[in-house]
Amino acid sequence: METIDLEIETIELDTNIPERYNYYRSYYVKKADTNIITVSANDFKPLKHRPSITASAVYTLRPGSEDYYRTTNLIKAMEKAKAGALLYIKGLIDMGPGGTAALLQYRIDHYEDLHINLVDANIQLVEQRMIYDCSFKWIPYRIKN
């Protein structure tokens, strides 16, 4: 019989990290919108019914998922939001005079994102802050009413 000496190592958790940042997040961006939706991986919702376990389980994406970009990286979400907005604006411009009213309304509705939040310099600033500050939380700029 052989005996093995085991050494137990104690790992201490870093308590300096605020609890609100201690989870995984993913980001959803509608293809024609500039709003970035943050979804926490810890945001569980109770099931209304118990799923039955079968040998042939079918997994589907949520309805309308083709209208979203999904990513776990905030910078990529910001870039996707910007690209989607520019593509949508280009489509409205291509409509000619018939798209002018919709274009003006879109620019008014998404003013902060188009002119402040999704400008390349601000996206790079957010990226730098995320690298140097592990507890950084992005809050998009909004004009107060």
N, C-alpha and C. Protein backbone atom coordinates (compact mmCIF):
# COMPACT_ATOMS: atom_id res chain seq x y z
N MET A 1 0.85 -1.18 0.00
CA MET A 1 0.00 0.00 0.00
C MET A 1 0.89 1.24 0.00
N GLU A 2 0.60 2.15 -0.88
CA GLU A 2 1.39 3.36 -1.03
C GLU A 2 0.60 4.54 -0.45
N THR A 3 1.25 5.41 0.28
CA THR A 3 0.57 6.59 0.84
C THR A 3 1.02 7.82 0.05
N ILE A 4 0.08 8.71 -0.14
CA ILE A 4 0.36 9.94 -0.89
C ILE A 4 0.06 11.11 0.04
N ASP A 5 1.02 12.00 0.17
CA ASP A 5 0.82 13.22 0.96
C ASP A 5 0.22 14.30 0.04
N LEU A 6 -0.93 14.81 0.44
CA LEU A 6 -1.57 15.86 -0.33
C LEU A 6 -1.40 17.19 0.38
N GLU A 7 -1.17 18.22 -0.40
CA GLU A 7 -1.06 19.55 0.16
C GLU A 7 -2.28 20.34 -0.29
N ILE A 8 -2.99 20.91 0.64
CA ILE A 8 -4.20 21.66 0.32
C ILE A 8 -3.84 23.13 0.23
N GLU A 9 -4.23 23.74 -0.86
CA GLU A 9 -3.94 25.15 -1.07
C GLU A 9 -5.23 25.94 -0.90
N THR A 10 -5.17 27.02 -0.11
CA THR A 10 -6.33 27.87 0.11
C THR A 10 -6.26 29.05 -0.85
N ILE A 11 -7.33 29.29 -1.55
CA ILE A 11 -7.40 30.41 -2.49
C ILE A 11 -8.34 31.45 -1.91
N GLU A 12 -7.88 32.68 -1.84
CA GLU A 12 -8.71 33.76 -1.32
C GLU A 12 -9.31 34.52 -2.50
N LEU A 13 -10.57 34.85 -2.37
CA LEU A 13 -11.23 35.64 -3.40
C LEU A 13 -10.90 37.11 -3.21
N ASP A 14 -10.77 37.81 -4.32
CA ASP A 14 -10.51 39.24 -4.28
C ASP A 14 -11.79 39.95 -3.88
N THR A 15 -11.82 40.54 -2.71
CA THR A 15 -13.04 41.19 -2.23
C THR A 15 -13.11 42.65 -2.65
N ASN A 16 -12.11 43.14 -3.40
CA ASN A 16 -12.13 44.53 -3.84
C ASN A 16 -13.00 44.73 -5.08
N ILE A 17 -13.41 43.66 -5.73
CA ILE A 17 -14.24 43.77 -6.93
C ILE A 17 -15.69 43.94 -6.50
N PRO A 18 -16.33 45.01 -6.95
CA PRO A 18 -17.74 45.19 -6.59
C PRO A 18 -18.58 44.03 -7.10
N GLU A 19 -19.59 43.66 -6.31
CA GLU A 19 -20.40 42.49 -6.65
C GLU A 19 -21.14 42.67 -7.96
N ARG A 20 -21.51 43.88 -8.32
CA ARG A 20 -22.28 44.08 -9.54
C ARG A 20 -21.49 43.76 -10.80
N TYR A 21 -20.14 43.68 -10.71
CA TYR A 21 -19.32 43.37 -11.87
C TYR A 21 -18.88 41.91 -11.88
N ASN A 22 -19.34 41.14 -10.94
CA ASN A 22 -18.85 39.78 -10.76
C ASN A 22 -19.72 38.78 -11.52
N TYR A 23 -19.99 39.03 -12.79
CA TYR A 23 -20.80 38.13 -13.58
C TYR A 23 -20.44 38.30 -15.06
N TYR A 24 -20.89 37.37 -15.85
CA TYR A 24 -20.66 37.44 -17.29
C TYR A 24 -21.81 38.16 -17.96
N ARG A 25 -21.49 38.90 -18.99
CA ARG A 25 -22.50 39.64 -19.72
C ARG A 25 -22.41 39.34 -21.21
N SER A 26 -23.53 39.45 -21.88
CA SER A 26 -23.53 39.43 -23.33
C SER A 26 -24.31 40.66 -23.78
N TYR A 27 -24.13 41.01 -25.03
CA TYR A 27 -24.72 42.24 -25.55
C TYR A 27 -25.52 41.93 -26.81
N TYR A 28 -26.70 42.53 -26.91
CA TYR A 28 -27.55 42.39 -28.08
C TYR A 28 -27.68 43.76 -28.73
N VAL A 29 -27.60 43.79 -30.05
CA VAL A 29 -27.77 45.03 -30.80
C VAL A 29 -28.73 44.74 -31.94
N LYS A 30 -29.84 45.49 -31.98
CA LYS A 30 -30.74 45.36 -33.12
C LYS A 30 -30.03 45.91 -34.35
N LYS A 31 -30.27 45.28 -35.49
CA LYS A 31 -29.53 45.64 -36.71
C LYS A 31 -29.78 47.07 -37.17
N ALA A 32 -30.94 47.63 -36.93
CA ALA A 32 -31.23 49.00 -37.37
C ALA A 32 -31.32 49.96 -36.20
N ASP A 33 -30.70 49.61 -35.07
CA ASP A 33 -30.80 50.43 -33.87
C ASP A 33 -29.40 50.70 -33.33
N THR A 34 -29.26 51.72 -32.51
CA THR A 34 -27.97 52.03 -31.90
C THR A 34 -27.94 51.65 -30.43
N ASN A 35 -29.06 51.22 -29.89
CA ASN A 35 -29.14 50.87 -28.47
C ASN A 35 -28.49 49.51 -28.23
N ILE A 36 -27.64 49.42 -27.22
CA ILE A 36 -26.96 48.18 -26.86
C ILE A 36 -27.63 47.63 -25.61
N ILE A 37 -28.15 46.42 -25.71
CA ILE A 37 -28.86 45.78 -24.60
C ILE A 37 -27.89 44.85 -23.89
N THR A 38 -27.69 45.06 -22.59
CA THR A 38 -26.81 44.21 -21.81
C THR A 38 -27.64 43.12 -21.16
N VAL A 39 -27.19 41.88 -21.33
CA VAL A 39 -27.88 40.74 -20.75
C VAL A 39 -26.92 40.02 -19.83
N SER A 40 -27.27 39.90 -18.57
CA SER A 40 -26.43 39.20 -17.61
C SER A 40 -26.62 37.71 -17.74
N ALA A 41 -25.53 36.97 -17.66
CA ALA A 41 -25.62 35.51 -17.68
C ALA A 41 -26.24 35.00 -16.39
N ASN A 42 -26.26 35.82 -15.36
CA ASN A 42 -26.83 35.42 -14.08
C ASN A 42 -28.29 35.84 -13.94
N ASP A 43 -28.86 36.37 -15.00
CA ASP A 43 -30.23 36.85 -14.96
C ASP A 43 -31.18 35.70 -15.31
N PHE A 44 -31.36 34.81 -14.36
CA PHE A 44 -32.19 33.65 -14.60
C PHE A 44 -33.65 34.00 -14.35
N LYS A 45 -34.52 33.41 -15.14
CA LYS A 45 -35.95 33.61 -14.97
C LYS A 45 -36.58 32.27 -14.69
N PRO A 46 -37.56 32.22 -13.79
CA PRO A 46 -38.18 30.92 -13.49
C PRO A 46 -38.98 30.40 -14.68
N LEU A 47 -38.95 29.10 -14.85
CA LEU A 47 -39.73 28.47 -15.91
C LEU A 47 -41.19 28.37 -15.49
N LYS A 48 -42.08 28.55 -16.42
CA LYS A 48 -43.50 28.44 -16.11
C LYS A 48 -43.93 26.98 -16.09
N HIS A 49 -43.19 26.15 -16.78
CA HIS A 49 -43.49 24.72 -16.78
C HIS A 49 -42.18 23.95 -16.72
N ARG A 50 -42.24 22.76 -16.28
CA ARG A 50 -41.04 21.93 -16.21
C ARG A 50 -40.80 21.30 -17.58
N PRO A 51 -39.62 21.48 -18.13
CA PRO A 51 -39.36 20.88 -19.43
C PRO A 51 -39.26 19.36 -19.30
N SER A 52 -39.80 18.68 -20.27
CA SER A 52 -39.69 17.23 -20.27
C SER A 52 -38.39 16.84 -20.95
N ILE A 53 -37.71 15.90 -20.39
CA ILE A 53 -36.44 15.46 -20.94
C ILE A 53 -36.73 14.33 -21.92
N THR A 54 -36.31 14.57 -23.15
CA THR A 54 -36.51 13.55 -24.19
C THR A 54 -35.17 13.26 -24.85
N ALA A 55 -35.14 12.19 -25.56
CA ALA A 55 -33.89 11.80 -26.23
C ALA A 55 -33.57 12.73 -27.39
N SER A 56 -34.57 13.34 -27.99
CA SER A 56 -34.33 14.22 -29.13
C SER A 56 -34.73 15.65 -28.77
N ALA A 57 -33.90 16.31 -28.00
CA ALA A 57 -34.18 17.68 -27.60
C ALA A 57 -33.91 18.62 -28.77
N VAL A 58 -34.75 19.63 -28.92
CA VAL A 58 -34.60 20.60 -30.00
C VAL A 58 -34.34 21.96 -29.36
N TYR A 59 -33.26 22.59 -29.78
CA TYR A 59 -32.92 23.91 -29.29
C TYR A 59 -33.15 24.92 -30.40
N THR A 60 -33.79 26.02 -30.06
CA THR A 60 -34.04 27.06 -31.04
C THR A 60 -33.62 28.41 -30.46
N LEU A 61 -33.31 29.34 -31.35
CA LEU A 61 -33.02 30.70 -30.92
C LEU A 61 -34.32 31.40 -30.61
N ARG A 62 -34.23 32.46 -29.82
CA ARG A 62 -35.46 33.16 -29.48
C ARG A 62 -36.04 33.83 -30.72
N PRO A 63 -37.34 34.06 -30.76
CA PRO A 63 -37.98 34.64 -31.94
C PRO A 63 -37.37 36.00 -32.28
N GLY A 64 -37.19 36.24 -33.56
CA GLY A 64 -36.62 37.50 -34.01
C GLY A 64 -35.12 37.58 -33.86
N SER A 65 -34.45 36.47 -33.60
CA SER A 65 -33.01 36.51 -33.36
C SER A 65 -32.23 36.92 -34.60
N GLU A 66 -32.82 36.79 -35.78
CA GLU A 66 -32.11 37.20 -36.99
C GLU A 66 -32.01 38.73 -37.07
N ASP A 67 -32.77 39.44 -36.25
CA ASP A 67 -32.72 40.90 -36.24
C ASP A 67 -31.70 41.45 -35.25
N TYR A 68 -30.94 40.57 -34.59
CA TYR A 68 -29.98 41.00 -33.58
C TYR A 68 -28.57 40.55 -33.93
N TYR A 69 -27.61 41.35 -33.49
CA TYR A 69 -26.22 40.91 -33.41
C TYR A 69 -26.00 40.53 -31.96
N ARG A 70 -25.33 39.43 -31.71
CA ARG A 70 -25.05 38.99 -30.34
C ARG A 70 -23.54 38.87 -30.17
N THR A 71 -23.03 39.36 -29.05
CA THR A 71 -21.61 39.27 -28.78
C THR A 71 -21.38 39.34 -27.27
N THR A 72 -20.24 38.88 -26.83
CA THR A 72 -19.88 38.99 -25.42
C THR A 72 -18.86 40.10 -25.20
N ASN A 73 -18.59 40.87 -26.24
CA ASN A 73 -17.60 41.94 -26.16
C ASN A 73 -18.31 43.27 -26.40
N LEU A 74 -18.19 44.18 -25.44
CA LEU A 74 -18.85 45.48 -25.53
C LEU A 74 -18.34 46.29 -26.72
N ILE A 75 -17.04 46.25 -26.97
CA ILE A 75 -16.47 47.02 -28.08
C ILE A 75 -17.05 46.54 -29.41
N LYS A 76 -17.12 45.23 -29.58
CA LYS A 76 -17.71 44.68 -30.81
C LYS A 76 -19.18 45.06 -30.93
N ALA A 77 -19.89 45.08 -29.81
CA ALA A 77 -21.30 45.49 -29.82
C ALA A 77 -21.43 46.95 -30.25
N MET A 78 -20.54 47.80 -29.76
CA MET A 78 -20.57 49.21 -30.15
C MET A 78 -20.28 49.37 -31.64
N GLU A 79 -19.30 48.62 -32.14
CA GLU A 79 -18.97 48.68 -33.56
C GLU A 79 -20.11 48.15 -34.42
N LYS A 80 -20.77 47.08 -33.97
CA LYS A 80 -21.92 46.55 -34.71
C LYS A 80 -23.07 47.55 -34.71
N ALA A 81 -23.30 48.22 -33.59
CA ALA A 81 -24.36 49.22 -33.51
C ALA A 81 -24.09 50.36 -34.47
N LYS A 82 -22.84 50.79 -34.52
CA LYS A 82 -22.46 51.88 -35.43
C LYS A 82 -22.62 51.44 -36.88
N ALA A 83 -22.12 50.26 -37.22
CA ALA A 83 -22.22 49.77 -38.60
C ALA A 83 -23.68 49.58 -39.02
N GLY A 84 -24.50 49.04 -38.10
CA GLY A 84 -25.92 48.85 -38.40
C GLY A 84 -26.63 50.17 -38.62
N ALA A 85 -26.30 51.18 -37.81
CA ALA A 85 -26.92 52.49 -37.96
C ALA A 85 -26.51 53.14 -39.29
N LEU A 86 -25.24 53.04 -39.64
CA LEU A 86 -24.78 53.62 -40.90
C LEU A 86 -25.43 52.93 -42.11
N LEU A 87 -25.58 51.62 -42.02
CA LEU A 87 -26.23 50.88 -43.10
C LEU A 87 -27.71 51.26 -43.23
N TYR A 88 -28.37 51.43 -42.09
CA TYR A 88 -29.77 51.83 -42.11
C TYR A 88 -29.92 53.25 -42.67
N ILE A 89 -29.02 54.15 -42.27
CA ILE A 89 -29.05 55.53 -42.79
C ILE A 89 -28.81 55.54 -44.29
N LYS A 90 -27.87 54.72 -44.76
CA LYS A 90 -27.60 54.62 -46.19
C LYS A 90 -28.84 54.14 -46.94
N GLY A 91 -29.55 53.17 -46.36
CA GLY A 91 -30.79 52.69 -46.98
C GLY A 91 -31.84 53.78 -47.07
N LEU A 92 -31.94 54.62 -46.03
CA LEU A 92 -32.91 55.71 -46.05
C LEU A 92 -32.51 56.76 -47.08
N ILE A 93 -31.22 57.02 -47.23
CA ILE A 93 -30.74 57.98 -48.23
C ILE A 93 -31.02 57.44 -49.63
N ASP A 94 -30.82 56.15 -49.83
CA ASP A 94 -31.06 55.54 -51.15
C ASP A 94 -32.53 55.58 -51.54
N MET A 95 -33.42 55.74 -50.57
CA MET A 95 -34.85 55.84 -50.87
C MET A 95 -35.18 57.16 -51.56
N GLY A 96 -34.29 58.12 -51.46
CA GLY A 96 -34.51 59.42 -52.09
C GLY A 96 -35.38 60.31 -51.23
N PRO A 97 -36.15 61.18 -51.88
CA PRO A 97 -36.99 62.13 -51.13
C PRO A 97 -38.02 61.45 -50.22
N GLY A 98 -38.42 60.24 -50.56
CA GLY A 98 -39.40 59.53 -49.73
C GLY A 98 -38.86 59.12 -48.37
N GLY A 99 -37.55 59.02 -48.22
CA GLY A 99 -36.95 58.61 -46.96
C GLY A 99 -36.45 59.75 -46.10
N THR A 100 -36.66 60.99 -46.56
CA THR A 100 -36.13 62.15 -45.83
C THR A 100 -36.74 62.28 -44.44
N ALA A 101 -38.04 62.15 -44.33
CA ALA A 101 -38.69 62.31 -43.02
C ALA A 101 -38.24 61.21 -42.06
N ALA A 102 -38.16 59.98 -42.56
CA ALA A 102 -37.70 58.86 -41.70
C ALA A 102 -36.24 59.06 -41.29
N LEU A 103 -35.43 59.58 -42.21
CA LEU A 103 -34.02 59.83 -41.91
C LEU A 103 -33.87 60.89 -40.83
N LEU A 104 -34.60 61.98 -40.95
CA LEU A 104 -34.53 63.03 -39.94
C LEU A 104 -35.00 62.52 -38.58
N GLN A 105 -36.07 61.75 -38.56
CA GLN A 105 -36.58 61.22 -37.29
C GLN A 105 -35.58 60.25 -36.67
N TYR A 106 -34.95 59.42 -37.49
CA TYR A 106 -33.94 58.46 -36.99
C TYR A 106 -32.77 59.22 -36.39
N ARG A 107 -32.30 60.27 -37.05
CA ARG A 107 -31.18 61.05 -36.54
C ARG A 107 -31.53 61.75 -35.24
N ILE A 108 -32.76 62.20 -35.10
CA ILE A 108 -33.20 62.85 -33.86
C ILE A 108 -33.28 61.81 -32.74
N ASP A 109 -33.88 60.65 -33.02
CA ASP A 109 -34.06 59.61 -32.01
C ASP A 109 -32.75 59.02 -31.51
N HIS A 110 -31.73 59.00 -32.35
CA HIS A 110 -30.46 58.36 -32.01
C HIS A 110 -29.30 59.36 -31.95
N TYR A 111 -29.62 60.61 -31.62
CA TYR A 111 -28.62 61.69 -31.64
C TYR A 111 -27.41 61.38 -30.77
N GLU A 112 -27.64 61.00 -29.50
CA GLU A 112 -26.53 60.78 -28.57
C GLU A 112 -25.61 59.66 -29.05
N ASP A 113 -26.19 58.59 -29.56
CA ASP A 113 -25.37 57.47 -30.01
C ASP A 113 -24.60 57.81 -31.28
N LEU A 114 -25.25 58.46 -32.24
CA LEU A 114 -24.59 58.78 -33.51
C LEU A 114 -23.51 59.84 -33.36
N HIS A 115 -23.68 60.78 -32.44
CA HIS A 115 -22.75 61.90 -32.34
C HIS A 115 -21.80 61.83 -31.14
N ILE A 116 -22.07 60.95 -30.18
CA ILE A 116 -21.22 60.89 -28.99
C ILE A 116 -20.78 59.47 -28.68
N ASN A 117 -21.71 58.58 -28.37
CA ASN A 117 -21.37 57.25 -27.86
C ASN A 117 -20.66 56.36 -28.87
N LEU A 118 -21.04 56.42 -30.14
CA LEU A 118 -20.50 55.49 -31.13
C LEU A 118 -19.47 56.13 -32.06
N VAL A 119 -18.92 57.26 -31.67
CA VAL A 119 -17.83 57.88 -32.42
C VAL A 119 -16.58 57.05 -32.14
N ASP A 120 -15.73 56.85 -33.17
CA ASP A 120 -14.55 55.99 -33.02
C ASP A 120 -13.68 56.37 -31.82
N ALA A 121 -13.47 57.65 -31.60
CA ALA A 121 -12.63 58.08 -30.48
C ALA A 121 -13.22 57.64 -29.14
N ASN A 122 -14.53 57.71 -29.00
CA ASN A 122 -15.16 57.29 -27.75
C ASN A 122 -15.17 55.77 -27.60
N ILE A 123 -15.30 55.04 -28.69
CA ILE A 123 -15.22 53.58 -28.62
C ILE A 123 -13.82 53.17 -28.16
N GLN A 124 -12.78 53.84 -28.70
CA GLN A 124 -11.40 53.55 -28.28
C GLN A 124 -11.17 53.92 -26.82
N LEU A 125 -11.78 55.01 -26.37
CA LEU A 125 -11.66 55.42 -24.97
C LEU A 125 -12.29 54.38 -24.04
N VAL A 126 -13.46 53.87 -24.40
CA VAL A 126 -14.11 52.83 -23.61
C VAL A 126 -13.23 51.58 -23.58
N GLU A 127 -12.65 51.23 -24.71
CA GLU A 127 -11.78 50.05 -24.77
C GLU A 127 -10.56 50.20 -23.86
N GLN A 128 -9.95 51.39 -23.85
CA GLN A 128 -8.80 51.63 -22.97
C GLN A 128 -9.21 51.57 -21.50
N ARG A 129 -10.34 52.14 -21.16
CA ARG A 129 -10.81 52.09 -19.77
C ARG A 129 -11.09 50.67 -19.32
N MET A 130 -11.63 49.85 -20.22
CA MET A 130 -11.92 48.46 -19.88
C MET A 130 -10.63 47.68 -19.62
N ILE A 131 -9.58 48.01 -20.35
CA ILE A 131 -8.29 47.32 -20.17
C ILE A 131 -7.66 47.69 -18.84
N TYR A 132 -7.68 48.98 -18.49
CA TYR A 132 -6.98 49.45 -17.29
C TYR A 132 -7.80 49.39 -16.01
N ASP A 133 -9.11 49.29 -16.12
CA ASP A 133 -9.97 49.28 -14.93
C ASP A 133 -10.91 48.08 -15.03
N CYS A 134 -10.63 47.04 -14.25
CA CYS A 134 -11.42 45.81 -14.34
C CYS A 134 -12.84 46.00 -13.82
N SER A 135 -13.11 47.05 -13.08
CA SER A 135 -14.46 47.28 -12.57
C SER A 135 -15.19 48.36 -13.36
N PHE A 136 -14.67 48.72 -14.54
CA PHE A 136 -15.30 49.74 -15.38
C PHE A 136 -16.66 49.26 -15.88
N LYS A 137 -17.64 50.13 -15.78
CA LYS A 137 -18.99 49.83 -16.29
C LYS A 137 -19.38 50.95 -17.23
N TRP A 138 -19.64 50.58 -18.48
CA TRP A 138 -20.01 51.58 -19.48
C TRP A 138 -21.44 52.01 -19.29
N ILE A 139 -21.64 53.32 -19.20
CA ILE A 139 -22.97 53.90 -19.13
C ILE A 139 -23.06 54.87 -20.29
N PRO A 140 -23.93 54.61 -21.26
CA PRO A 140 -24.01 55.50 -22.43
C PRO A 140 -24.47 56.90 -22.04
N TYR A 141 -23.91 57.89 -22.72
CA TYR A 141 -24.27 59.28 -22.48
C TYR A 141 -25.68 59.52 -22.99
N ARG A 142 -26.48 60.17 -22.19
CA ARG A 142 -27.84 60.58 -22.60
C ARG A 142 -28.06 62.03 -22.17
N ILE A 143 -28.67 62.80 -23.07
CA ILE A 143 -28.99 64.18 -22.74
C ILE A 143 -30.14 64.16 -21.75
N LYS A 144 -29.96 64.89 -20.66
CA LYS A 144 -31.01 64.92 -19.63
C LYS A 144 -32.11 65.88 -20.04
N ASN A 145 -33.33 65.46 -19.80
CA ASN A 145 -34.49 66.30 -20.14
C ASN A 145 -34.78 67.28 -19.04
